[in-house]
């Protein structure tokens, strides 16, 4: 199958990594895969650069822009159409802007039935049933890919019987796997051997519910003086949303802000005893949670989005109400019971190998493609 992935976002964030991981897995499965995306405005980490490193240099450079630009986008549409006319069977789009570009570029090919357009919806919440969305995610998409089976069921109303699929994200299992925490990494983070660590990977943004996280941490610390909270991630609002509230709660000395991690990220993850996740971010597949599970770290999460599908309550982790006391008690339950923690962690790693392997991701998406092409 000949596949072109199109994205209008140049950043290495949100759905960028799942998209690249899918493209690489599809290529490994024998498909012909290409990528169209913008270049970054300045040097630094970007989707285009990560794709080049992985051996999938962009076949087409799109303009950096937002929204619909009927006249200004004519050049992008023309070049995209020329690329699609080189025998492409599936154009897979990931955001609204690239969806609109692809619709314009692919219109004659779709009418002839030689090309199908598949849209990924990477948010965990249902698609708002607005008139615009009813068209874009209905007739404007030959196939729709959602982040989980329940999410797909919630969005079925927009499809009108058209092909609909679901696939959890994928994890680099050669990088994320169970291994004992590195004592040097823990020491560098300010953790002693006796500390029991709850950890989260999240950008400091209002919607990520840092107020709930810190209130729950304060309750945990009152019950377990050896507990610590490790926060991994960046964000320009970290001081206002996390550091200052931690100081006001009197827990700043037990909350560790590790910032953004790159080369040592997997080792920092393994320094965590219990992973936690409260609200999905821009990537509804909750990539950091999948990576933690692949490392054999049991998780405590809320019931937001796809979280209760990713974490099997009582099997690979625990679910909790969005209440500070309820969250703290579930954290403590795992921190205090090493046997339970080990059992759930082993099951999480086994489940990750079965459910989050790139090959599985590729196969599930290919099934959607085939239903689109044969339907």
Protein backbone atom coordinates (compact mmCIF):
# COMPACT_ATOMS: atom_id res chain seq x y z
CA UNK A 1 0.00 0.00 0.00
CA UNK A 2 1.24 3.52 -0.79
CA UNK A 3 0.62 5.91 2.12
CA UNK A 4 1.25 9.61 2.63
CA UNK A 5 1.08 11.08 6.14
CA UNK A 6 0.32 14.80 6.15
CA UNK A 7 0.60 17.11 9.15
CA UNK A 8 0.50 20.90 9.35
CA UNK A 9 2.29 20.98 12.73
CA UNK A 10 6.09 21.21 12.67
CA UNK A 11 6.52 20.71 16.44
CA UNK A 12 7.78 17.56 18.10
CA UNK A 13 4.84 17.40 20.47
CA UNK A 14 1.33 16.00 20.83
CA UNK A 15 0.61 13.40 18.13
CA UNK A 16 3.94 13.88 16.32
CA UNK A 17 5.71 10.89 17.86
CA UNK A 18 2.78 8.44 17.48
CA UNK A 19 2.47 9.52 13.85
CA UNK A 20 6.16 8.97 13.12
CA UNK A 21 6.16 5.68 15.00
CA UNK A 22 3.19 4.52 12.93
CA UNK A 23 4.83 5.58 9.67
CA UNK A 24 8.03 3.71 10.52
CA UNK A 25 6.10 0.58 11.52
CA UNK A 26 4.14 0.72 8.27
CA UNK A 27 7.35 0.99 6.30
CA UNK A 28 8.79 -1.97 8.23
CA UNK A 29 5.66 -3.93 7.28
CA UNK A 30 6.46 -3.40 3.60
CA UNK A 31 4.30 -0.40 2.73
CA UNK A 32 5.60 2.60 0.76
CA UNK A 33 5.36 5.51 3.20
CA UNK A 34 6.03 9.22 2.77
CA UNK A 35 5.64 12.30 4.96
CA UNK A 36 4.59 15.89 4.23
CA UNK A 37 5.09 18.50 6.96
CA UNK A 38 6.42 22.03 7.56
CA UNK A 39 10.00 22.83 8.48
CA UNK A 40 10.57 24.53 11.87
CA UNK A 41 11.02 28.31 12.05
CA UNK A 42 14.41 27.88 13.72
CA UNK A 43 16.92 25.17 14.53
CA UNK A 44 15.85 22.77 17.23
CA UNK A 45 13.87 19.63 17.78
CA UNK A 46 11.06 19.23 15.27
CA UNK A 47 9.05 16.56 13.50
CA UNK A 48 10.99 17.07 10.25
CA UNK A 49 14.34 16.62 12.01
CA UNK A 50 13.19 13.56 13.98
CA UNK A 51 11.86 12.05 10.75
CA UNK A 52 15.20 12.60 9.01
CA UNK A 53 17.08 10.97 11.87
CA UNK A 54 14.73 7.99 11.59
CA UNK A 55 15.37 7.75 7.86
CA UNK A 56 12.04 9.17 6.71
CA UNK A 57 12.96 12.59 5.34
CA UNK A 58 9.87 14.64 4.40
CA UNK A 59 8.89 14.21 0.76
CA UNK A 60 7.13 17.57 0.73
CA UNK A 61 7.58 20.74 2.79
CA UNK A 62 4.32 22.52 3.63
CA UNK A 63 3.93 26.15 4.65
CA UNK A 64 3.74 26.99 8.35
CA UNK A 65 0.26 28.40 8.79
CA UNK A 66 -2.99 28.03 10.67
CA UNK A 67 -6.56 27.62 9.54
CA UNK A 68 -8.11 27.79 6.10
CA UNK A 69 -6.47 30.10 3.51
CA UNK A 70 -8.28 29.64 0.22
CA UNK A 71 -5.89 31.71 -1.91
CA UNK A 72 -2.64 31.57 0.03
CA UNK A 73 -2.72 27.76 0.17
CA UNK A 74 -2.97 27.22 -3.57
CA UNK A 75 0.75 26.41 -3.86
CA UNK A 76 0.61 23.83 -1.04
CA UNK A 77 -2.52 22.28 -2.54
CA UNK A 78 -0.95 22.05 -5.99
CA UNK A 79 2.28 20.46 -4.79
CA UNK A 80 0.37 18.08 -2.53
CA UNK A 81 -1.88 17.03 -5.43
CA UNK A 82 1.15 16.34 -7.60
CA UNK A 83 2.58 14.09 -4.90
CA UNK A 84 -0.72 12.26 -4.40
CA UNK A 85 -1.01 11.64 -8.12
CA UNK A 86 2.14 9.51 -7.97
CA UNK A 87 0.03 6.47 -7.15
CA UNK A 88 -0.87 7.21 -3.51
CA UNK A 89 -3.71 5.06 -2.12
CA UNK A 90 -4.10 6.50 1.39
CA UNK A 91 -3.55 10.06 2.54
CA UNK A 92 -3.57 10.06 6.35
CA UNK A 93 -4.13 13.47 7.99
CA UNK A 94 -3.76 14.46 11.64
CA UNK A 95 -5.03 18.03 12.14
CA UNK A 96 -7.81 20.18 10.75
CA UNK A 97 -5.56 22.35 8.60
CA UNK A 98 -3.83 19.45 6.86
CA UNK A 99 -7.21 17.73 6.55
CA UNK A 100 -8.52 20.74 4.59
CA UNK A 101 -5.40 20.89 2.42
CA UNK A 102 -5.69 17.20 1.62
CA UNK A 103 -9.40 17.48 0.81
CA UNK A 104 -8.66 20.14 -1.79
CA UNK A 105 -5.65 18.31 -3.19
CA UNK A 106 -7.26 14.87 -3.26
CA UNK A 107 -10.73 15.82 -4.55
CA UNK A 108 -10.34 14.50 -8.13
CA UNK A 109 -8.56 11.35 -6.96
CA UNK A 110 -11.24 10.60 -4.36
CA UNK A 111 -13.98 11.05 -6.94
CA UNK A 112 -12.28 8.45 -9.16
CA UNK A 113 -11.93 6.10 -6.20
CA UNK A 114 -8.16 5.76 -6.54
CA UNK A 115 -7.36 7.51 -3.25
CA UNK A 116 -8.91 7.49 0.23
CA UNK A 117 -8.53 10.05 3.01
CA UNK A 118 -8.15 8.85 6.61
CA UNK A 119 -8.26 11.24 9.56
CA UNK A 120 -6.76 10.61 13.00
CA UNK A 121 -8.58 12.26 15.89
CA UNK A 122 -5.99 12.31 18.65
CA UNK A 123 -8.08 13.81 21.45
CA UNK A 124 -9.66 11.60 24.09
CA UNK A 125 -12.86 13.64 24.31
CA UNK A 126 -15.75 13.10 21.87
CA UNK A 127 -15.75 15.22 18.73
CA UNK A 128 -18.11 18.18 19.29
CA UNK A 129 -21.20 17.55 17.10
CA UNK A 130 -21.07 20.92 15.35
CA UNK A 131 -22.27 21.24 11.73
CA UNK A 132 -18.69 21.79 10.54
CA UNK A 133 -17.49 18.67 12.35
CA UNK A 134 -20.42 16.62 11.07
CA UNK A 135 -19.16 17.27 7.56
CA UNK A 136 -15.40 17.10 8.21
CA UNK A 137 -15.53 13.86 10.22
CA UNK A 138 -18.42 12.48 8.17
CA UNK A 139 -18.31 12.74 4.35
CA UNK A 140 -15.01 14.65 4.60
CA UNK A 141 -13.21 11.52 5.86
CA UNK A 142 -13.25 8.12 4.22
CA UNK A 143 -11.97 6.62 7.46
CA UNK A 144 -11.66 7.91 11.02
CA UNK A 145 -9.06 6.63 13.50
CA UNK A 146 -9.69 7.21 17.22
CA UNK A 147 -7.43 6.70 20.25
CA UNK A 148 -9.42 3.87 21.85
CA UNK A 149 -12.43 1.62 21.26
CA UNK A 150 -14.64 3.60 23.65
CA UNK A 151 -13.61 6.86 22.00
CA UNK A 152 -14.51 5.40 18.61
CA UNK A 153 -17.92 4.34 19.95
CA UNK A 154 -18.54 7.89 21.21
CA UNK A 155 -17.73 9.31 17.77
CA UNK A 156 -19.72 6.77 15.74
CA UNK A 157 -22.68 9.16 15.56
CA UNK A 158 -20.71 11.41 13.19
CA UNK A 159 -19.72 8.65 10.80
CA UNK A 160 -23.07 7.57 9.41
CA UNK A 161 -21.82 4.00 8.98
CA UNK A 162 -18.57 5.00 7.29
CA UNK A 163 -15.37 3.12 8.30
CA UNK A 164 -14.28 3.81 11.87
CA UNK A 165 -11.28 2.39 13.69
CA UNK A 166 -9.45 2.58 17.01
CA UNK A 167 -5.85 1.98 17.97
CA UNK A 168 -3.95 2.69 21.17
CA UNK A 169 -0.59 4.37 20.73
CA UNK A 170 2.74 2.62 20.31
CA UNK A 171 5.88 2.42 22.44
CA UNK A 172 9.51 1.86 21.51
CA UNK A 173 9.82 -1.43 23.40
CA UNK A 174 13.57 -1.52 22.82
CA UNK A 175 13.89 1.62 24.96
CA UNK A 176 11.06 1.21 27.46
CA UNK A 177 11.18 -2.11 29.29
CA UNK A 178 11.37 -3.27 32.92
CA UNK A 179 14.71 -2.65 34.60
CA UNK A 180 15.69 -1.72 38.14
CA UNK A 181 16.06 1.98 38.85
CA UNK A 182 19.57 3.36 38.42
CA UNK A 183 20.82 4.47 41.87
CA UNK A 184 22.87 7.22 40.23
CA UNK A 185 19.80 8.63 38.48
CA UNK A 186 17.80 8.62 41.70
CA UNK A 187 20.62 10.32 43.56
CA UNK A 188 20.94 12.97 40.86
CA UNK A 189 17.22 13.66 41.25
CA UNK A 190 17.64 14.13 45.01
CA UNK A 191 16.05 10.80 45.93
CA UNK A 192 17.34 8.60 48.74
CA UNK A 193 17.11 4.82 48.82
CA UNK A 194 14.24 5.00 51.31
CA UNK A 195 12.08 7.37 49.30
CA UNK A 196 8.90 6.03 47.71
CA UNK A 197 8.20 7.96 44.53
CA UNK A 198 4.98 8.92 42.80
CA UNK A 199 5.78 10.35 39.37
CA UNK A 200 4.00 12.18 36.59
CA UNK A 201 5.05 13.34 33.12
CA UNK A 202 3.05 16.41 32.15
CA UNK A 203 3.54 19.86 30.67
CA UNK A 204 2.64 22.60 33.16
CA UNK A 205 -0.71 23.71 31.76
CA UNK A 206 -3.94 24.65 33.57
CA UNK A 207 -5.93 21.76 32.11
CA UNK A 208 -3.49 19.17 33.51
CA UNK A 209 -4.94 19.71 37.01
CA UNK A 210 -1.81 20.50 38.99
CA UNK A 211 -3.98 21.79 41.83
CA UNK A 212 -5.43 18.28 42.25
CA UNK A 213 -1.99 16.69 41.96
CA UNK A 214 -0.47 18.88 44.68
CA UNK A 215 -3.45 18.67 47.05
CA UNK A 216 -3.29 14.89 46.77
CA UNK A 217 0.48 14.96 47.32
CA UNK A 218 0.02 16.96 50.53
CA UNK A 219 -2.38 14.29 51.82
CA UNK A 220 0.01 11.52 50.80
CA UNK A 221 2.95 13.15 52.57
CA UNK A 222 0.89 13.42 55.77
CA UNK A 223 0.33 9.65 55.65
CA UNK A 224 3.79 8.66 54.39
CA UNK A 225 6.73 10.94 55.27
CA UNK A 226 9.03 8.93 52.97
CA UNK A 227 6.88 9.62 49.89
CA UNK A 228 8.04 12.03 47.21
CA UNK A 229 6.44 13.49 44.09
CA UNK A 230 8.52 13.64 40.90
CA UNK A 231 7.25 15.95 38.15
CA UNK A 232 8.82 15.49 34.71
CA UNK A 233 8.07 18.00 31.98
CA UNK A 234 8.44 21.61 30.99
CA UNK A 235 6.09 24.54 30.67
CA UNK A 236 6.39 28.29 30.87
CA UNK A 237 3.75 28.36 33.62
CA UNK A 238 5.40 25.83 35.92
CA UNK A 239 6.21 28.39 38.60
CA UNK A 240 2.64 29.72 38.84
CA UNK A 241 0.86 26.38 38.42
CA UNK A 242 3.11 24.08 40.41
CA UNK A 243 6.10 25.55 42.25
CA UNK A 244 4.29 28.38 44.05
CA UNK A 245 1.27 26.23 45.02
CA UNK A 246 3.63 23.55 46.37
CA UNK A 247 5.32 26.20 48.52
CA UNK A 248 1.94 27.45 49.79
CA UNK A 249 0.98 23.90 50.76
CA UNK A 250 4.28 23.49 52.63
CA UNK A 251 5.40 20.53 50.50
CA UNK A 252 8.01 22.15 48.25
CA UNK A 253 10.82 20.14 49.88
CA UNK A 254 9.13 16.87 48.86
CA UNK A 255 8.20 17.78 45.28
CA UNK A 256 10.98 17.38 42.71
CA UNK A 257 10.72 19.19 39.40
CA UNK A 258 12.94 17.29 36.98
CA UNK A 259 12.13 19.44 33.94
CA UNK A 260 12.22 18.17 30.38
CA UNK A 261 14.34 15.05 29.87
CA UNK A 262 15.68 13.61 26.64
CA UNK A 263 18.52 11.10 26.58
CA UNK A 264 17.99 9.97 30.18
CA UNK A 265 14.19 10.03 30.05
CA UNK A 266 13.73 6.24 30.30
CA UNK A 267 16.04 6.08 33.34
CA UNK A 268 14.15 8.95 35.00
CA UNK A 269 10.91 7.03 34.42
CA UNK A 270 12.41 3.97 36.11
CA UNK A 271 13.14 6.07 39.21
CA UNK A 272 9.35 6.18 39.75
CA UNK A 273 7.62 3.58 41.91
CA UNK A 274 4.03 4.54 41.06
CA UNK A 275 3.17 6.48 37.93
CA UNK A 276 0.15 8.78 37.87
CA UNK A 277 -1.84 10.49 35.14
CA UNK A 278 -4.78 12.80 35.73
CA UNK A 279 -5.86 14.32 32.42
CA UNK A 280 -4.85 13.44 28.84
CA UNK A 281 -2.95 16.21 27.08
CA UNK A 282 -2.94 17.10 23.38
CA UNK A 283 -2.12 13.47 22.58
CA UNK A 284 -5.08 11.40 23.73
CA UNK A 285 -3.04 8.19 23.52
CA UNK A 286 -1.32 9.30 26.75
CA UNK A 287 2.12 8.33 25.48
CA UNK A 288 3.95 8.81 28.79
CA UNK A 289 1.55 6.42 30.50
CA UNK A 290 2.16 3.77 27.84
CA UNK A 291 5.91 4.19 28.30
CA UNK A 292 5.63 3.84 32.07
CA UNK A 293 3.58 0.67 31.68
CA UNK A 294 6.16 -0.75 29.27
CA UNK A 295 8.76 -0.13 31.98
CA UNK A 296 6.68 -2.19 34.40
CA UNK A 297 5.55 0.74 36.55
CA UNK A 298 1.99 0.41 37.89
CA UNK A 299 -0.16 3.51 37.50
CA UNK A 300 -2.89 5.33 39.37
CA UNK A 301 -5.08 7.37 37.04
CA UNK A 302 -8.44 9.08 36.89
CA UNK A 303 -11.22 7.94 34.57
CA UNK A 304 -10.71 10.70 32.00
CA UNK A 305 -10.59 9.91 28.28
CA UNK A 306 -8.95 6.60 27.41
CA UNK A 307 -7.26 6.24 30.82
CA UNK A 308 -9.63 3.52 32.13
CA UNK A 309 -9.04 1.55 28.92
CA UNK A 310 -5.27 1.85 29.11
CA UNK A 311 -5.08 1.04 32.84
CA UNK A 312 -6.99 -2.07 33.82
CA UNK A 313 -8.21 -1.38 37.33
CA UNK A 314 -6.77 -3.89 39.79
CA UNK A 315 -4.75 -5.62 37.05
CA UNK A 316 -2.17 -3.16 35.68
CA UNK A 317 -2.89 -0.24 38.01
CA UNK A 318 -5.62 1.48 39.96
CA UNK A 319 -8.29 4.02 39.06
CA UNK A 320 -9.23 6.87 41.39
CA UNK A 321 -11.87 9.54 41.64
CA UNK A 322 -10.79 13.10 40.92
CA UNK A 323 -10.54 13.87 44.60
CA UNK A 324 -7.29 14.58 46.50
CA UNK A 325 -7.98 12.10 49.29
CA UNK A 326 -9.09 9.32 46.94
CA UNK A 327 -6.02 9.83 44.77
CA UNK A 328 -3.65 9.90 47.76
CA UNK A 329 -5.12 6.70 49.17
CA UNK A 330 -4.62 4.84 45.90
CA UNK A 331 -1.03 6.06 45.69
CA UNK A 332 -0.43 4.94 49.27
CA UNK A 333 -2.03 1.57 48.63
CA UNK A 334 0.62 0.81 46.02
CA UNK A 335 3.55 2.48 47.76
CA UNK A 336 2.89 0.53 50.95
CA UNK A 337 2.46 -2.87 49.31
CA UNK A 338 5.57 -3.93 47.44
CA UNK A 339 4.03 -7.25 46.40
CA UNK A 340 0.96 -5.60 44.87
CA UNK A 341 3.17 -3.05 43.16
CA UNK A 342 5.33 -5.80 41.64
CA UNK A 343 2.34 -7.83 40.50
CA UNK A 344 0.58 -4.92 38.82
CA UNK A 345 3.85 -3.68 37.33
CA UNK A 346 4.62 -7.07 35.77
CA UNK A 347 1.12 -7.22 34.31
CA UNK A 348 1.48 -3.68 32.98
CA UNK A 349 4.71 -4.58 31.16
CA UNK A 350 3.21 -7.76 29.73
CA UNK A 351 0.13 -5.85 28.58
CA UNK A 352 2.27 -3.15 27.00
CA UNK A 353 4.17 -5.70 24.93
CA UNK A 354 0.88 -7.11 23.67
CA UNK A 355 -1.12 -3.91 23.19
CA UNK A 356 1.36 -1.10 22.50
CA UNK A 357 3.91 -2.66 20.14
CA UNK A 358 4.43 -0.60 16.94
CA UNK A 359 3.67 -3.71 14.86
CA UNK A 360 0.27 -4.02 16.54
CA UNK A 361 -0.40 -0.32 15.99
CA UNK A 362 0.43 -0.64 12.30
CA UNK A 363 -1.73 -3.75 11.87
CA UNK A 364 -4.77 -2.10 13.47
CA UNK A 365 -4.44 0.99 11.29
CA UNK A 366 -3.92 -1.17 8.20
CA UNK A 367 -7.22 -2.93 8.98
CA UNK A 368 -8.95 0.46 8.85
CA UNK A 369 -7.21 1.32 5.59
CA UNK A 370 -8.37 -1.94 4.02
CA UNK A 371 -11.96 -1.42 5.16
CA UNK A 372 -11.83 2.04 3.55
CA UNK A 373 -10.39 0.75 0.29
CA UNK A 374 -12.76 -2.24 -0.01
CA UNK A 375 -15.87 -0.57 1.42
